[in-house]
Amino acid sequence: KARKTFVERTRSKQTRTFKVRWVFTVKVGEDGEIIEYKARLVTQGFRQRPGIDFTEVFAPTIRPEQLRLILAVAAMAKGATMRDPGSAKV
């Protein structure tokens, strides 16, 4: 089943193209066991021009610590109190 991640388009005469390449890596555990295979598509980003070739920056990942900090700040801004999750009764 195709994920439809990429959309193929025809290139107009005003647009620039960038060379891309696939970078493959293998994540290996401490004992040498292969955990997962990773692949990413990279381009020569230093040739891009802000406002012309791209209009926004996208970072696809966030660390759990960053998400927890953002949620904590948002909760405190609304007057919520912070509680230790370990002290919650089940």
PDB file of N, CA and C in Angstrom:
ATOM      1  N   LYS A   1       0.851  -1.180   0.000  1.00  0.00           N
ATOM      2  CA  LYS A   1       0.000   0.000   0.000  1.00  0.00           C
ATOM      3  C   LYS A   1       0.894   1.240   0.000  1.00  0.00           C
ATOM      4  N   ALA A   2       0.661   2.119  -0.917  1.00  0.00           N
ATOM      5  CA  ALA A   2       1.465   3.337  -1.011  1.00  0.00           C
ATOM      6  C   ALA A   2       1.074   4.317   0.088  1.00  0.00           C
ATOM      7  N   ARG A   3       2.056   4.949   0.684  1.00  0.00           N
ATOM      8  CA  ARG A   3       1.791   5.920   1.756  1.00  0.00           C
ATOM      9  C   ARG A   3       1.472   7.299   1.208  1.00  0.00           C
ATOM     10  N   LYS A   4       1.699   7.513  -0.062  1.00  0.00           N
ATOM     11  CA  LYS A   4       1.438   8.792  -0.721  1.00  0.00           C
ATOM     12  C   LYS A   4       2.167   9.930  -0.019  1.00  0.00           C
ATOM     13  N   THR A   5       3.440   9.698   0.287  1.00  0.00           N
ATOM     14  CA  THR A   5       4.254  10.699   0.962  1.00  0.00           C
ATOM     15  C   THR A   5       4.707  11.784  -0.008  1.00  0.00           C
ATOM     16  N   PHE A   6       5.050  11.381  -1.211  1.00  0.00           N
ATOM     17  CA  PHE A   6       5.556  12.314  -2.200  1.00  0.00           C
ATOM     18  C   PHE A   6       4.532  12.510  -3.305  1.00  0.00           C
ATOM     19  N   VAL A   7       4.494  13.704  -3.844  1.00  0.00           N
ATOM     20  CA  VAL A   7       3.618  14.007  -4.968  1.00  0.00           C
ATOM     21  C   VAL A   7       4.510  14.399  -6.129  1.00  0.00           C
ATOM     22  N   GLU A   8       4.374  13.694  -7.238  1.00  0.00           N
ATOM     23  CA  GLU A   8       5.182  14.010  -8.415  1.00  0.00           C
ATOM     24  C   GLU A   8       4.525  15.140  -9.185  1.00  0.00           C
ATOM     25  N   ARG A   9       5.316  16.132  -9.538  1.00  0.00           N
ATOM     26  CA  ARG A   9       4.798  17.295 -10.255  1.00  0.00           C
ATOM     27  C   ARG A   9       5.696  17.593 -11.449  1.00  0.00           C
ATOM     28  N   THR A  10       5.142  18.292 -12.402  1.00  0.00           N
ATOM     29  CA  THR A  10       5.961  18.735 -13.529  1.00  0.00           C
ATOM     30  C   THR A  10       6.671  20.017 -13.133  1.00  0.00           C
ATOM     31  N   ARG A  11       7.880  20.182 -13.613  1.00  0.00           N
ATOM     32  CA  ARG A  11       8.694  21.341 -13.243  1.00  0.00           C
ATOM     33  C   ARG A  11       8.450  22.483 -14.216  1.00  0.00           C
ATOM     34  N   SER A  12       8.171  23.664 -13.664  1.00  0.00           N
ATOM     35  CA  SER A  12       8.024  24.844 -14.513  1.00  0.00           C
ATOM     36  C   SER A  12       9.393  25.449 -14.765  1.00  0.00           C
ATOM     37  N   LYS A  13       9.484  26.360 -15.679  1.00  0.00           N
ATOM     38  CA  LYS A  13      10.779  26.964 -16.033  1.00  0.00           C
ATOM     39  C   LYS A  13      11.317  27.880 -14.942  1.00  0.00           C
ATOM     40  N   GLN A  14      10.455  28.368 -14.037  1.00  0.00           N
ATOM     41  CA  GLN A  14      10.902  29.265 -12.971  1.00  0.00           C
ATOM     42  C   GLN A  14      11.447  28.512 -11.763  1.00  0.00           C
ATOM     43  N   THR A  15      11.156  27.243 -11.611  1.00  0.00           N
ATOM     44  CA  THR A  15      11.591  26.524 -10.429  1.00  0.00           C
ATOM     45  C   THR A  15      12.975  25.930 -10.610  1.00  0.00           C
ATOM     46  N   ARG A  16      13.670  25.809  -9.491  1.00  0.00           N
ATOM     47  CA  ARG A  16      14.999  25.194  -9.490  1.00  0.00           C
ATOM     48  C   ARG A  16      14.868  23.787  -8.925  1.00  0.00           C
ATOM     49  N   THR A  17      15.728  22.906  -9.373  1.00  0.00           N
ATOM     50  CA  THR A  17      15.741  21.555  -8.813  1.00  0.00           C
ATOM     51  C   THR A  17      16.993  21.380  -7.976  1.00  0.00           C
ATOM     52  N   PHE A  18      16.921  20.474  -7.020  1.00  0.00           N
ATOM     53  CA  PHE A  18      18.048  20.181  -6.148  1.00  0.00           C
ATOM     54  C   PHE A  18      18.403  18.711  -6.278  1.00  0.00           C
ATOM     55  N   LYS A  19      19.685  18.430  -6.236  1.00  0.00           N
ATOM     56  CA  LYS A  19      20.116  17.047  -6.244  1.00  0.00           C
ATOM     57  C   LYS A  19      19.804  16.446  -4.892  1.00  0.00           C
ATOM     58  N   VAL A  20      19.314  15.231  -4.906  1.00  0.00           N
ATOM     59  CA  VAL A  20      18.995  14.534  -3.666  1.00  0.00           C
ATOM     60  C   VAL A  20      19.676  13.181  -3.672  1.00  0.00           C
ATOM     61  N   ARG A  21      19.799  12.615  -2.489  1.00  0.00           N
ATOM     62  CA  ARG A  21      20.331  11.262  -2.371  1.00  0.00           C
ATOM     63  C   ARG A  21      19.747  10.619  -1.133  1.00  0.00           C
ATOM     64  N   TRP A  22      19.695   9.308  -1.154  1.00  0.00           N
ATOM     65  CA  TRP A  22      19.214   8.545  -0.019  1.00  0.00           C
ATOM     66  C   TRP A  22      20.393   8.191   0.875  1.00  0.00           C
ATOM     67  N   VAL A  23      20.215   8.346   2.174  1.00  0.00           N
ATOM     68  CA  VAL A  23      21.229   7.959   3.153  1.00  0.00           C
ATOM     69  C   VAL A  23      20.635   6.806   3.969  1.00  0.00           C
ATOM     70  N   PHE A  24      21.292   5.664   3.925  1.00  0.00           N
ATOM     71  CA  PHE A  24      20.822   4.482   4.641  1.00  0.00           C
ATOM     72  C   PHE A  24      21.721   4.223   5.848  1.00  0.00           C
ATOM     73  N   THR A  25      21.111   3.962   6.988  1.00  0.00           N
ATOM     74  CA  THR A  25      21.874   3.625   8.187  1.00  0.00           C
ATOM     75  C   THR A  25      21.241   2.402   8.848  1.00  0.00           C
ATOM     76  N   VAL A  26      22.052   1.700   9.602  1.00  0.00           N
ATOM     77  CA  VAL A  26      21.595   0.524  10.331  1.00  0.00           C
ATOM     78  C   VAL A  26      21.811   0.792  11.810  1.00  0.00           C
ATOM     79  N   LYS A  27      20.740   0.702  12.607  1.00  0.00           N
ATOM     80  CA  LYS A  27      20.851   0.913  14.042  1.00  0.00           C
ATOM     81  C   LYS A  27      21.174  -0.437  14.681  1.00  0.00           C
ATOM     82  N   VAL A  28      22.298  -0.474  15.408  1.00  0.00           N
ATOM     83  CA  VAL A  28      22.788  -1.717  15.994  1.00  0.00           C
ATOM     84  C   VAL A  28      22.772  -1.591  17.516  1.00  0.00           C
ATOM     85  N   GLY A  29      22.351  -2.645  18.197  1.00  0.00           N
ATOM     86  CA  GLY A  29      22.311  -2.667  19.658  1.00  0.00           C
ATOM     87  C   GLY A  29      23.684  -2.891  20.253  1.00  0.00           C
ATOM     88  N   GLU A  30      23.756  -2.902  21.568  1.00  0.00           N
ATOM     89  CA  GLU A  30      25.030  -3.072  22.266  1.00  0.00           C
ATOM     90  C   GLU A  30      25.678  -4.420  21.977  1.00  0.00           C
ATOM     91  N   ASP A  31      24.847  -5.435  21.758  1.00  0.00           N
ATOM     92  CA  ASP A  31      25.380  -6.769  21.502  1.00  0.00           C
ATOM     93  C   ASP A  31      25.638  -7.036  20.021  1.00  0.00           C
ATOM     94  N   GLY A  32      25.501  -6.025  19.186  1.00  0.00           N
ATOM     95  CA  GLY A  32      25.754  -6.174  17.759  1.00  0.00           C
ATOM     96  C   GLY A  32      24.534  -6.609  16.964  1.00  0.00           C
ATOM     97  N   GLU A  33      23.413  -6.762  17.627  1.00  0.00           N
ATOM     98  CA  GLU A  33      22.179  -7.173  16.958  1.00  0.00           C
ATOM     99  C   GLU A  33      21.580  -5.986  16.199  1.00  0.00           C
ATOM    100  N   ILE A  34      21.102  -6.217  15.000  1.00  0.00           N
ATOM    101  CA  ILE A  34      20.486  -5.160  14.203  1.00  0.00           C
ATOM    102  C   ILE A  34      19.110  -4.860  14.779  1.00  0.00           C
ATOM    103  N   ILE A  35      18.889  -3.599  15.161  1.00  0.00           N
ATOM    104  CA  ILE A  35      17.625  -3.190  15.752  1.00  0.00           C
ATOM    105  C   ILE A  35      16.663  -2.701  14.673  1.00  0.00           C
ATOM    106  N   GLU A  36      17.150  -1.818  13.794  1.00  0.00           N
ATOM    107  CA  GLU A  36      16.299  -1.322  12.723  1.00  0.00           C
ATOM    108  C   GLU A  36      17.136  -0.732  11.602  1.00  0.00           C
ATOM    109  N   TYR A  37      16.508  -0.620  10.456  1.00  0.00           N
ATOM    110  CA  TYR A  37      17.105   0.020   9.300  1.00  0.00           C
ATOM    111  C   TYR A  37      16.445   1.384   9.136  1.00  0.00           C
ATOM    112  N   LYS A  38      17.240   2.397   8.824  1.00  0.00           N
ATOM    113  CA  LYS A  38      16.704   3.739   8.650  1.00  0.00           C
ATOM    114  C   LYS A  38      17.116   4.266   7.286  1.00  0.00           C
ATOM    115  N   ALA A  39      16.267   5.104   6.707  1.00  0.00           N
ATOM    116  CA  ALA A  39      16.574   5.740   5.431  1.00  0.00           C
ATOM    117  C   ALA A  39      16.043   7.156   5.472  1.00  0.00           C
ATOM    118  N   ARG A  40      16.784   8.078   4.890  1.00  0.00           N
ATOM    119  CA  ARG A  40      16.311   9.459   4.801  1.00  0.00           C
ATOM    120  C   ARG A  40      16.758  10.060   3.488  1.00  0.00           C
ATOM    121  N   LEU A  41      15.976  10.959   2.984  1.00  0.00           N
ATOM    122  CA  LEU A  41      16.264  11.636   1.731  1.00  0.00           C
ATOM    123  C   LEU A  41      16.861  12.997   2.064  1.00  0.00           C
ATOM    124  N   VAL A  42      18.064  13.265   1.598  1.00  0.00           N
ATOM    125  CA  VAL A  42      18.727  14.530   1.904  1.00  0.00           C
ATOM    126  C   VAL A  42      18.972  15.306   0.623  1.00  0.00           C
ATOM    127  N   THR A  43      19.048  16.607   0.758  1.00  0.00           N
ATOM    128  CA  THR A  43      19.284  17.483  -0.383  1.00  0.00           C
ATOM    129  C   THR A  43      20.346  18.510  -0.039  1.00  0.00           C
ATOM    130  N   GLN A  44      20.765  19.235  -1.037  1.00  0.00           N
ATOM    131  CA  GLN A  44      21.761  20.291  -0.822  1.00  0.00           C
ATOM    132  C   GLN A  44      21.017  21.552  -0.383  1.00  0.00           C
ATOM    133  N   GLY A  45      20.724  21.633   0.902  1.00  0.00           N
ATOM    134  CA  GLY A  45      19.930  22.735   1.425  1.00  0.00           C
ATOM    135  C   GLY A  45      20.613  24.084   1.359  1.00  0.00           C
ATOM    136  N   PHE A  46      21.935  24.116   1.233  1.00  0.00           N
ATOM    137  CA  PHE A  46      22.636  25.395   1.212  1.00  0.00           C
ATOM    138  C   PHE A  46      22.355  26.183  -0.056  1.00  0.00           C
ATOM    139  N   ARG A  47      21.739  25.566  -1.041  1.00  0.00           N
ATOM    140  CA  ARG A  47      21.399  26.277  -2.281  1.00  0.00           C
ATOM    141  C   ARG A  47      19.998  26.870  -2.243  1.00  0.00           C
ATOM    142  N   GLN A  48      19.252  26.596  -1.187  1.00  0.00           N
ATOM    143  CA  GLN A  48      17.901  27.128  -1.093  1.00  0.00           C
ATOM    144  C   GLN A  48      17.936  28.604  -0.715  1.00  0.00           C
ATOM    145  N   ARG A  49      16.912  29.326  -1.160  1.00  0.00           N
ATOM    146  CA  ARG A  49      16.800  30.747  -0.857  1.00  0.00           C
ATOM    147  C   ARG A  49      15.518  30.983  -0.068  1.00  0.00           C
ATOM    148  N   PRO A  50      15.609  31.535   1.159  1.00  0.00           N
ATOM    149  CA  PRO A  50      14.408  31.767   1.968  1.00  0.00           C
ATOM    150  C   PRO A  50      13.399  32.648   1.240  1.00  0.00           C
ATOM    151  N   GLY A  51      12.133  32.270   1.325  1.00  0.00           N
ATOM    152  CA  GLY A  51      11.076  33.038   0.685  1.00  0.00           C
ATOM    153  C   GLY A  51      10.878  32.709  -0.778  1.00  0.00           C
ATOM    154  N   ILE A  52      11.852  32.034  -1.389  1.00  0.00           N
ATOM    155  CA  ILE A  52      11.736  31.676  -2.808  1.00  0.00           C
ATOM    156  C   ILE A  52      11.605  30.166  -2.950  1.00  0.00           C
ATOM    157  N   ASP A  53      12.579  29.431  -2.430  1.00  0.00           N
ATOM    158  CA  ASP A  53      12.561  27.981  -2.530  1.00  0.00           C
ATOM    159  C   ASP A  53      11.807  27.326  -1.382  1.00  0.00           C
ATOM    160  N   PHE A  54      11.691  28.007  -0.265  1.00  0.00           N
ATOM    161  CA  PHE A  54      10.925  27.487   0.865  1.00  0.00           C
ATOM    162  C   PHE A  54      10.406  28.655   1.676  1.00  0.00           C
ATOM    163  N   THR A  55       9.295  28.421   2.363  1.00  0.00           N
ATOM    164  CA  THR A  55       8.696  29.491   3.167  1.00  0.00           C
ATOM    165  C   THR A  55       8.670  29.166   4.646  1.00  0.00           C
ATOM    166  N   GLU A  56       8.884  27.908   5.001  1.00  0.00           N
ATOM    167  CA  GLU A  56       8.869  27.560   6.418  1.00  0.00           C
ATOM    168  C   GLU A  56       9.869  26.444   6.681  1.00  0.00           C
ATOM    169  N   VAL A  57      10.255  26.322   7.939  1.00  0.00           N
ATOM    170  CA  VAL A  57      11.195  25.287   8.354  1.00  0.00           C
ATOM    171  C   VAL A  57      10.404  24.231   9.108  1.00  0.00           C
ATOM    172  N   PHE A  58      10.688  22.967   8.858  1.00  0.00           N
ATOM    173  CA  PHE A  58       9.952  21.884   9.486  1.00  0.00           C
ATOM    174  C   PHE A  58      10.920  20.935  10.154  1.00  0.00           C
ATOM    175  N   ALA A  59      10.717  20.687  11.437  1.00  0.00           N
ATOM    176  CA  ALA A  59      11.502  19.698  12.166  1.00  0.00           C
ATOM    177  C   ALA A  59      10.562  18.558  12.537  1.00  0.00           C
ATOM    178  N   PRO A  60      10.740  17.388  11.948  1.00  0.00           N
ATOM    179  CA  PRO A  60       9.762  16.329  12.120  1.00  0.00           C
ATOM    180  C   PRO A  60       9.762  15.625  13.474  1.00  0.00           C
ATOM    181  N   THR A  61      10.726  15.886  14.336  1.00  0.00           N
ATOM    182  CA  THR A  61      10.779  15.166  15.597  1.00  0.00           C
ATOM    183  C   THR A  61      10.846  16.124  16.779  1.00  0.00           C
ATOM    184  N   ILE A  62      10.424  15.626  17.921  1.00  0.00           N
ATOM    185  CA  ILE A  62      10.531  16.369  19.176  1.00  0.00           C
ATOM    186  C   ILE A  62      10.923  15.361  20.242  1.00  0.00           C
ATOM    187  N   ARG A  63      11.829  15.754  21.102  1.00  0.00           N
ATOM    188  CA  ARG A  63      12.243  14.857  22.178  1.00  0.00           C
ATOM    189  C   ARG A  63      11.173  14.843  23.253  1.00  0.00           C
ATOM    190  N   PRO A  64      11.001  13.732  23.957  1.00  0.00           N
ATOM    191  CA  PRO A  64       9.978  13.658  25.006  1.00  0.00           C
ATOM    192  C   PRO A  64      10.157  14.728  26.083  1.00  0.00           C
ATOM    193  N   GLU A  65      11.406  15.082  26.388  1.00  0.00           N
ATOM    194  CA  GLU A  65      11.644  16.110  27.407  1.00  0.00           C
ATOM    195  C   GLU A  65      11.095  17.456  26.945  1.00  0.00           C
ATOM    196  N   GLN A  66      11.244  17.754  25.657  1.00  0.00           N
ATOM    197  CA  GLN A  66      10.744  19.026  25.135  1.00  0.00           C
ATOM    198  C   GLN A  66       9.221  19.075  25.201  1.00  0.00           C
ATOM    199  N   LEU A  67       8.576  17.976  24.838  1.00  0.00           N
ATOM    200  CA  LEU A  67       7.117  17.929  24.872  1.00  0.00           C
ATOM    201  C   LEU A  67       6.612  18.091  26.301  1.00  0.00           C
ATOM    202  N   ARG A  68       7.257  17.424  27.241  1.00  0.00           N
ATOM    203  CA  ARG A  68       6.847  17.530  28.645  1.00  0.00           C
ATOM    204  C   ARG A  68       7.006  18.964  29.153  1.00  0.00           C
ATOM    205  N   LEU A  69       8.099  19.629  28.778  1.00  0.00           N
ATOM    206  CA  LEU A  69       8.317  21.016  29.186  1.00  0.00           C
ATOM    207  C   LEU A  69       7.246  21.936  28.606  1.00  0.00           C
ATOM    208  N   ILE A  70       6.929  21.771  27.340  1.00  0.00           N
ATOM    209  CA  ILE A  70       5.918  22.613  26.699  1.00  0.00           C
ATOM    210  C   ILE A  70       4.560  22.419  27.367  1.00  0.00           C
ATOM    211  N   LEU A  71       4.200  21.164  27.635  1.00  0.00           N
ATOM    212  CA  LEU A  71       2.920  20.906  28.292  1.00  0.00           C
ATOM    213  C   LEU A  71       2.891  21.451  29.711  1.00  0.00           C
ATOM    214  N   ALA A  72       4.008  21.369  30.430  1.00  0.00           N
ATOM    215  CA  ALA A  72       4.071  21.892  31.796  1.00  0.00           C
ATOM    216  C   ALA A  72       3.920  23.409  31.812  1.00  0.00           C
ATOM    217  N   VAL A  73       4.595  24.085  30.901  1.00  0.00           N
ATOM    218  CA  VAL A  73       4.499  25.551  30.830  1.00  0.00           C
ATOM    219  C   VAL A  73       3.078  25.966  30.462  1.00  0.00           C
ATOM    220  N   ALA A  74       2.461  25.253  29.521  1.00  0.00           N
ATOM    221  CA  ALA A  74       1.086  25.572  29.127  1.00  0.00           C
ATOM    222  C   ALA A  74       0.121  25.343  30.284  1.00  0.00           C
ATOM    223  N   ALA A  75       0.321  24.274  31.025  1.00  0.00           N
ATOM    224  CA  ALA A  75      -0.559  23.982  32.160  1.00  0.00           C
ATOM    225  C   ALA A  75      -0.408  25.027  33.256  1.00  0.00           C
ATOM    226  N   MET A  76       0.819  25.451  33.540  1.00  0.00           N
ATOM    227  CA  MET A  76       1.043  26.457  34.585  1.00  0.00           C
ATOM    228  C   MET A  76       0.493  27.809  34.154  1.00  0.00           C
ATOM    229  N   ALA A  77       0.529  28.109  32.862  1.00  0.00           N
ATOM    230  CA  ALA A  77      -0.006  29.383  32.382  1.00  0.00           C
ATOM    231  C   ALA A  77      -1.519  29.453  32.577  1.00  0.00           C
ATOM    232  N   LYS A  78      -2.170  28.299  32.586  1.00  0.00           N
ATOM    233  CA  LYS A  78      -3.621  28.264  32.808  1.00  0.00           C
ATOM    234  C   LYS A  78      -3.974  28.080  34.274  1.00  0.00           C
ATOM    235  N   GLY A  79      -2.986  28.065  35.179  1.00  0.00           N
ATOM    236  CA  GLY A  79      -3.234  27.978  36.612  1.00  0.00           C
ATOM    237  C   GLY A  79      -3.310  26.565  37.151  1.00  0.00           C
ATOM    238  N   ALA A  80      -2.911  25.590  36.387  1.00  0.00           N
ATOM    239  CA  ALA A  80      -2.939  24.209  36.869  1.00  0.00           C
ATOM    240  C   ALA A  80      -1.757  23.971  37.794  1.00  0.00           C
ATOM    241  N   THR A  81      -1.917  23.030  38.706  1.00  0.00           N
ATOM    242  CA  THR A  81      -0.811  22.674  39.591  1.00  0.00           C
ATOM    243  C   THR A  81      -0.167  21.400  39.069  1.00  0.00           C
ATOM    244  N   MET A  82       1.120  21.277  39.285  1.00  0.00           N
ATOM    245  CA  MET A  82       1.860  20.108  38.817  1.00  0.00           C
ATOM    246  C   MET A  82       1.805  19.039  39.893  1.00  0.00           C
ATOM    247  N   ARG A  83       1.635  17.765  39.474  1.00  0.00           N
ATOM    248  CA  ARG A  83       1.557  16.648  40.394  1.00  0.00           C
ATOM    249  C   ARG A  83       2.527  15.577  39.918  1.00  0.00           C
ATOM    250  N   ASP A  84       3.172  14.938  40.850  1.00  0.00           N
ATOM    251  CA  ASP A  84       4.091  13.863  40.522  1.00  0.00           C
ATOM    252  C   ASP A  84       3.278  12.657  40.049  1.00  0.00           C
ATOM    253  N   PRO A  85       3.519  12.154  38.814  1.00  0.00           N
ATOM    254  CA  PRO A  85       2.734  11.024  38.332  1.00  0.00           C
ATOM    255  C   PRO A  85       2.926   9.768  39.178  1.00  0.00           C
ATOM    256  N   GLY A  86       4.048   9.651  39.884  1.00  0.00           N
ATOM    257  CA  GLY A  86       4.284   8.496  40.718  1.00  0.00           C
ATOM    258  C   GLY A  86       3.420   8.454  41.962  1.00  0.00           C
ATOM    259  N   SER A  87       2.885   9.604  42.364  1.00  0.00           N
ATOM    260  CA  SER A  87       2.068   9.639  43.575  1.00  0.00           C
ATOM    261  C   SER A  87       0.582   9.415  43.299  1.00  0.00           C
ATOM    262  N   ALA A  88       0.223   9.236  42.032  1.00  0.00           N
ATOM    263  CA  ALA A  88      -1.182   9.016  41.691  1.00  0.00           C
ATOM    264  C   ALA A  88      -1.650   7.652  42.182  1.00  0.00           C
ATOM    265  N   LYS A  89      -2.837   7.626  42.753  1.00  0.00           N
ATOM    266  CA  LYS A  89      -3.401   6.365  43.254  1.00  0.00           C
ATOM    267  C   LYS A  89      -4.158   5.685  42.136  1.00  0.00           C
ATOM    268  N   VAL A  90      -4.005   4.360  42.106  1.00  0.00           N
ATOM    269  CA  VAL A  90      -4.685   3.602  41.051  1.00  0.00           C
ATOM    270  C   VAL A  90      -5.920   2.956  41.607  1.00  0.00           C
TER     271      VAL A  90
END
